[in-house]
Amino acid sequence: MSSRVLRVSIVVAALAATGIAAPVGWRRFRARLAANSLVLNETLPVHSKWWRDHAKLEGELLYVAIGDSAAQGIGASRPDRSYVGVLADEIRSVTGCTVRVVNLSVSGATVDLAVQDQLPRFVKLRPDIMTVAIGANDIAGWDPAAFERGIRTTYAALPQHALVADLPFFYFPHNERRVAVANRIVRRVAAEHGLTVVPLHATTKHQGISGILTQFAIDLFHPNDHGYRVWADAFGPSLAAQLVERFMVPEVTTADLTAPDVTAQDVAASDVGGRG
């Protein structure tokens, strides 16, 4: 998620929440924000290499992610503290299995770019768990017809157990009007393909204005570690249900997926031999 227009919108919301309104203060704040954005831009190749390197590791379960910079974890203190990294750790803890993560996401990706770049790499994979969170970068240059074409192409290529997230909360009304249209498209097309929609919008909206001050990185656009935990929590209930249904993990709850002390021994009675 790297759109300058959307980033400025969130910045303005933050300024309104904190009372920064003086012209001099605004100019200084914009200059500082621009510098902070450059700092995060320098982490793009670092995160990308980290995920490529870790995709080579073996695992009993394969977790594949399609997405943008949020899946890459830009803004987090480490790449594995993106929501993808958090979910992978939770899957390991709950199932007691090793997990190979293939993170196909690309920073700045739109739906169309995901179709061009990520889907061709995905078709050779057979994931046990899959998450898709894409579309936030489409809001700045909003084209609902193009967005729907891309979503339809993407969702048609997914296994039925893939978890697809709607777009997160964007704070400003003019962006939220576009997001509302995008999320209606996401839900409609997902229903046509029998895919589960993860309520990312409702989860992030529930954080309120205070979330801007506590859950965003230094560019006030990408989530920080706390913000990515919120994103992971949005996936939690659907992921828990899937672990129970598909991998026969008993009595998994959302609390299990967020508890830091859950270990393989806690689920020693689990039978994961029936996955497929």
Protein backbone atom coordinates (compact mmCIF):
# COMPACT_ATOMS: atom_id res chain seq x y z
CA MET A 1 0.00 0.00 0.00
CA SER A 2 2.05 2.99 -1.21
CA SER A 3 -0.39 5.49 -2.71
CA ARG A 4 0.59 9.06 -1.86
CA VAL A 5 -3.01 10.25 -2.12
CA LEU A 6 -4.25 7.76 0.43
CA ARG A 7 -1.31 8.38 2.70
CA VAL A 8 -2.03 12.12 2.74
CA SER A 9 -5.67 11.41 3.58
CA ILE A 10 -4.71 9.41 6.64
CA VAL A 11 -2.20 12.10 7.62
CA VAL A 12 -4.90 14.74 7.47
CA ALA A 13 -7.12 12.60 9.66
CA ALA A 14 -4.28 12.26 12.14
CA LEU A 15 -3.75 16.00 12.15
CA ALA A 16 -7.41 16.60 12.82
CA ALA A 17 -7.30 14.13 15.69
CA THR A 18 -4.24 15.76 17.26
CA GLY A 19 -5.22 19.39 16.63
CA ILE A 20 -2.33 20.29 14.31
CA ALA A 21 -3.72 23.04 12.11
CA ALA A 22 -1.26 25.94 11.90
CA PRO A 23 0.20 26.40 8.39
CA VAL A 24 3.79 26.31 9.64
CA GLY A 25 3.11 23.19 11.67
CA TRP A 26 1.43 21.57 8.67
CA ARG A 27 4.41 22.24 6.38
CA ARG A 28 6.87 20.91 8.91
CA PHE A 29 4.72 17.87 9.49
CA ARG A 30 4.49 17.14 5.76
CA ALA A 31 8.28 17.45 5.43
CA ARG A 32 8.79 15.07 8.32
CA LEU A 33 6.27 12.65 6.88
CA ALA A 34 8.02 12.69 3.50
CA ALA A 35 11.32 11.91 5.21
CA ASN A 36 9.72 9.07 7.15
CA SER A 37 8.27 7.63 3.94
CA LEU A 38 11.73 7.55 2.41
CA VAL A 39 12.99 5.65 5.45
CA LEU A 40 10.32 2.98 4.96
CA ASN A 41 10.98 2.84 1.21
CA GLU A 42 14.50 1.71 2.00
CA THR A 43 13.07 -1.36 3.72
CA LEU A 44 11.23 -2.60 0.60
CA PRO A 45 14.10 -4.70 -0.81
CA VAL A 46 15.00 -5.95 2.67
CA HIS A 47 11.50 -7.31 3.29
CA SER A 48 11.23 -8.74 -0.21
CA LYS A 49 14.52 -10.63 0.14
CA TRP A 50 13.55 -11.91 3.59
CA TRP A 51 10.35 -13.48 2.25
CA ARG A 52 12.11 -14.93 -0.82
CA ASP A 53 14.75 -16.53 1.37
CA HIS A 54 12.20 -17.99 3.79
CA ALA A 55 10.08 -19.38 0.95
CA LYS A 56 12.87 -21.90 0.38
CA LEU A 57 12.44 -23.45 3.83
CA GLU A 58 10.58 -26.74 4.06
CA GLY A 59 7.35 -27.18 5.99
CA GLU A 60 4.63 -29.73 6.62
CA LEU A 61 2.00 -27.12 5.74
CA LEU A 62 2.21 -24.60 2.90
CA TYR A 63 0.85 -21.10 3.53
CA VAL A 64 0.62 -18.84 0.46
CA ALA A 65 -0.19 -15.13 0.58
CA ILE A 66 -1.19 -12.74 -2.20
CA GLY A 67 -1.15 -9.05 -1.39
CA ASP A 68 0.70 -5.75 -1.30
CA SER A 69 3.04 -3.99 1.12
CA ALA A 70 0.87 -4.94 4.10
CA ALA A 71 1.59 -8.61 3.42
CA GLN A 72 5.26 -7.71 3.02
CA GLY A 73 5.15 -6.08 6.46
CA ILE A 74 6.34 -2.61 5.50
CA GLY A 75 6.14 -0.51 8.66
CA ALA A 76 6.67 -3.47 10.99
CA SER A 77 9.82 -3.81 13.06
CA ARG A 78 10.60 -7.07 11.19
CA PRO A 79 9.15 -8.70 8.06
CA ASP A 80 7.71 -11.61 10.03
CA ARG A 81 5.65 -9.18 12.10
CA SER A 82 3.40 -8.46 9.15
CA TYR A 83 -0.03 -10.05 9.41
CA VAL A 84 1.30 -12.88 7.21
CA GLY A 85 4.11 -13.55 9.64
CA VAL A 86 1.78 -13.37 12.64
CA LEU A 87 -0.67 -15.81 11.04
CA ALA A 88 2.13 -18.20 10.14
CA ASP A 89 3.33 -18.25 13.74
CA GLU A 90 -0.21 -18.88 14.97
CA ILE A 91 -0.68 -21.78 12.54
CA ARG A 92 2.57 -23.34 13.78
CA SER A 93 1.56 -22.94 17.42
CA VAL A 94 -1.95 -24.31 17.04
CA THR A 95 -1.25 -27.23 14.70
CA GLY A 96 2.19 -28.20 15.97
CA CYS A 97 3.28 -28.42 12.32
CA THR A 98 6.14 -26.72 10.56
CA VAL A 99 4.91 -24.13 8.05
CA ARG A 100 6.50 -23.05 4.80
CA VAL A 101 5.40 -19.52 3.85
CA VAL A 102 5.43 -18.42 0.21
CA ASN A 103 4.63 -14.71 0.31
CA LEU A 104 3.91 -13.69 -3.27
CA SER A 105 2.97 -10.13 -2.31
CA VAL A 106 4.62 -7.10 -3.90
CA SER A 107 4.74 -3.64 -2.35
CA GLY A 108 2.56 -1.19 -4.26
CA ALA A 109 0.58 -3.94 -5.99
CA THR A 110 -2.88 -3.21 -7.34
CA VAL A 111 -5.36 -5.92 -8.25
CA ASP A 112 -4.27 -5.72 -11.88
CA LEU A 113 -0.59 -6.02 -10.96
CA ALA A 114 -1.39 -9.00 -8.76
CA VAL A 115 -3.08 -10.68 -11.73
CA GLN A 116 -0.04 -10.00 -13.92
CA ASP A 117 2.70 -10.88 -11.44
CA GLN A 118 1.43 -12.92 -8.49
CA LEU A 119 -1.14 -15.25 -10.07
CA PRO A 120 1.32 -16.75 -12.60
CA ARG A 121 3.62 -17.67 -9.68
CA PHE A 122 0.73 -19.02 -7.66
CA VAL A 123 -0.63 -21.53 -10.19
CA LYS A 124 2.23 -23.96 -9.56
CA LEU A 125 1.51 -24.08 -5.81
CA ARG A 126 -0.94 -26.17 -3.81
CA PRO A 127 -1.40 -24.29 -0.53
CA ASP A 128 -2.85 -25.78 2.63
CA ILE A 129 -3.68 -22.27 3.84
CA MET A 130 -4.04 -19.17 1.69
CA THR A 131 -4.80 -15.51 2.37
CA VAL A 132 -5.52 -12.73 -0.12
CA ALA A 133 -5.62 -9.05 0.83
CA ILE A 134 -5.35 -6.87 -2.26
CA GLY A 135 -7.06 -3.75 -3.61
CA ALA A 136 -6.13 -0.90 -1.26
CA ASN A 137 -3.79 0.61 -3.85
CA ASP A 138 -6.65 0.69 -6.37
CA ILE A 139 -8.57 3.32 -4.40
CA ALA A 140 -6.42 6.31 -5.43
CA GLY A 141 -6.95 5.79 -9.18
CA TRP A 142 -10.36 4.22 -8.67
CA ASP A 143 -11.84 2.35 -11.63
CA PRO A 144 -14.62 0.04 -10.39
CA ALA A 145 -14.92 -1.86 -13.67
CA ALA A 146 -11.19 -2.61 -13.82
CA PHE A 147 -11.20 -3.50 -10.13
CA GLU A 148 -14.01 -6.02 -10.60
CA ARG A 149 -12.31 -7.58 -13.63
CA GLY A 150 -9.15 -8.07 -11.61
CA ILE A 151 -10.98 -9.45 -8.58
CA ARG A 152 -12.90 -11.89 -10.78
CA THR A 153 -9.69 -13.13 -12.40
CA THR A 154 -7.96 -13.46 -9.04
CA TYR A 155 -10.78 -15.22 -7.20
CA ALA A 156 -11.38 -17.64 -10.09
CA ALA A 157 -7.82 -18.90 -9.66
CA LEU A 158 -8.05 -19.48 -5.90
CA PRO A 159 -8.75 -22.73 -4.07
CA GLN A 160 -12.10 -22.67 -2.28
CA HIS A 161 -10.43 -22.65 1.13
CA ALA A 162 -8.64 -19.33 0.43
CA LEU A 163 -9.45 -16.54 2.88
CA VAL A 164 -9.99 -13.21 1.10
CA ALA A 165 -10.05 -9.93 3.02
CA ASP A 166 -12.13 -6.93 2.13
CA LEU A 167 -10.41 -3.53 2.05
CA PRO A 168 -9.46 -1.86 5.35
CA PHE A 169 -10.99 1.30 6.79
CA PHE A 170 -9.72 4.49 5.12
CA TYR A 171 -10.98 7.14 7.57
CA PHE A 172 -11.93 9.91 5.10
CA PRO A 173 -15.44 9.90 3.55
CA HIS A 174 -14.34 10.35 -0.07
CA ASN A 175 -12.08 7.29 0.21
CA GLU A 176 -14.65 5.33 2.20
CA ARG A 177 -17.24 5.80 -0.56
CA ARG A 178 -14.87 4.09 -2.98
CA VAL A 179 -13.97 1.41 -0.44
CA ALA A 180 -17.68 0.67 0.07
CA VAL A 181 -18.06 -0.03 -3.66
CA ALA A 182 -14.88 -2.12 -3.70
CA ASN A 183 -16.01 -4.19 -0.73
CA ARG A 184 -19.41 -4.84 -2.28
CA ILE A 185 -17.57 -6.20 -5.32
CA VAL A 186 -15.29 -8.32 -3.11
CA ARG A 187 -18.22 -9.84 -1.23
CA ARG A 188 -20.31 -10.47 -4.34
CA VAL A 189 -17.54 -12.13 -6.33
CA ALA A 190 -16.34 -14.11 -3.31
CA ALA A 191 -19.88 -15.45 -2.79
CA GLU A 192 -20.01 -16.55 -6.42
CA HIS A 193 -16.87 -18.62 -5.86
CA GLY A 194 -17.77 -19.85 -2.38
CA LEU A 195 -14.85 -18.00 -0.76
CA THR A 196 -14.78 -16.80 2.84
CA VAL A 197 -14.48 -13.01 3.22
CA VAL A 198 -12.46 -11.81 6.19
CA PRO A 199 -13.95 -8.59 7.74
CA LEU A 200 -10.80 -6.46 7.63
CA HIS A 201 -12.80 -3.26 7.10
CA ALA A 202 -14.99 -3.75 10.15
CA THR A 203 -12.04 -4.81 12.29
CA THR A 204 -9.89 -1.79 11.40
CA LYS A 205 -12.83 0.62 11.59
CA HIS A 206 -13.55 -0.59 15.10
CA GLN A 207 -10.13 0.75 16.18
CA GLY A 208 -11.41 4.31 15.71
CA ILE A 209 -9.40 7.51 15.30
CA SER A 210 -7.12 6.52 18.17
CA GLY A 211 -5.88 3.71 15.97
CA ILE A 212 -4.09 6.29 13.81
CA LEU A 213 -1.92 7.26 16.75
CA THR A 214 -1.16 3.73 17.99
CA GLN A 215 -1.32 1.36 15.01
CA PHE A 216 0.50 3.12 12.16
CA ALA A 217 4.17 3.32 11.25
CA ILE A 218 6.14 6.55 10.95
CA ASP A 219 4.61 7.37 7.55
CA LEU A 220 1.10 7.24 9.09
CA PHE A 221 -0.01 4.94 6.28
CA HIS A 222 1.44 1.48 6.78
CA PRO A 223 0.55 -0.42 9.97
CA ASN A 224 3.11 -0.93 12.71
CA ASP A 225 3.52 -4.14 14.73
CA HIS A 226 0.33 -3.38 16.69
CA GLY A 227 -1.59 -2.55 13.51
CA TYR A 228 -0.54 -5.79 11.85
CA ARG A 229 -1.72 -7.71 14.91
CA VAL A 230 -5.14 -6.10 14.34
CA TRP A 231 -5.05 -7.29 10.72
CA ALA A 232 -4.15 -10.80 11.88
CA ASP A 233 -7.01 -10.69 14.39
CA ALA A 234 -9.40 -10.00 11.50
CA PHE A 235 -8.36 -13.33 9.97
CA GLY A 236 -8.47 -15.14 13.33
CA PRO A 237 -12.04 -16.52 13.49
CA SER A 238 -12.04 -17.74 9.87
CA LEU A 239 -8.60 -19.26 10.25
CA ALA A 240 -9.60 -20.99 13.49
CA ALA A 241 -12.66 -22.50 11.82
CA GLN A 242 -10.54 -23.71 8.92
CA LEU A 243 -7.93 -25.34 11.16
CA VAL A 244 -10.71 -27.25 12.92
CA GLU A 245 -12.48 -28.29 9.73
CA ARG A 246 -9.58 -29.04 7.41
CA PHE A 247 -6.81 -30.19 9.74
CA MET A 248 -8.90 -31.70 12.53
CA VAL A 249 -7.36 -29.50 15.22
CA PRO A 250 -9.75 -29.79 18.19
CA GLU A 251 -11.31 -26.86 20.04
CA VAL A 252 -9.40 -24.07 18.33
CA THR A 253 -10.74 -20.63 19.23
CA THR A 254 -9.80 -17.09 18.32
CA ALA A 255 -8.20 -16.84 21.76
CA ASP A 256 -5.99 -19.81 20.91
CA LEU A 257 -4.77 -18.01 17.81
CA THR A 258 -3.78 -14.90 19.74
CA ALA A 259 -2.46 -16.44 22.96
CA PRO A 260 1.36 -16.13 23.05
CA ASP A 261 1.86 -19.25 25.19
CA VAL A 262 0.14 -21.78 22.94
CA THR A 263 2.59 -24.51 21.97
CA ALA A 264 2.57 -27.77 20.08
CA GLN A 265 2.19 -29.57 23.40
CA ASP A 266 -1.09 -27.73 24.00
CA VAL A 267 -2.51 -29.47 20.94
CA ALA A 268 -0.66 -32.76 21.25
CA ALA A 269 -3.91 -34.65 20.74
CA SER A 270 -4.42 -32.98 17.36
CA ASP A 271 -4.68 -35.21 14.32
CA VAL A 272 -3.32 -33.39 11.29
CA GLY A 273 -2.94 -36.48 9.16
CA GLY A 274 -6.18 -35.80 7.34
CA ARG A 275 -5.15 -32.61 5.62
CA GLY A 276 -5.41 -32.53 1.87
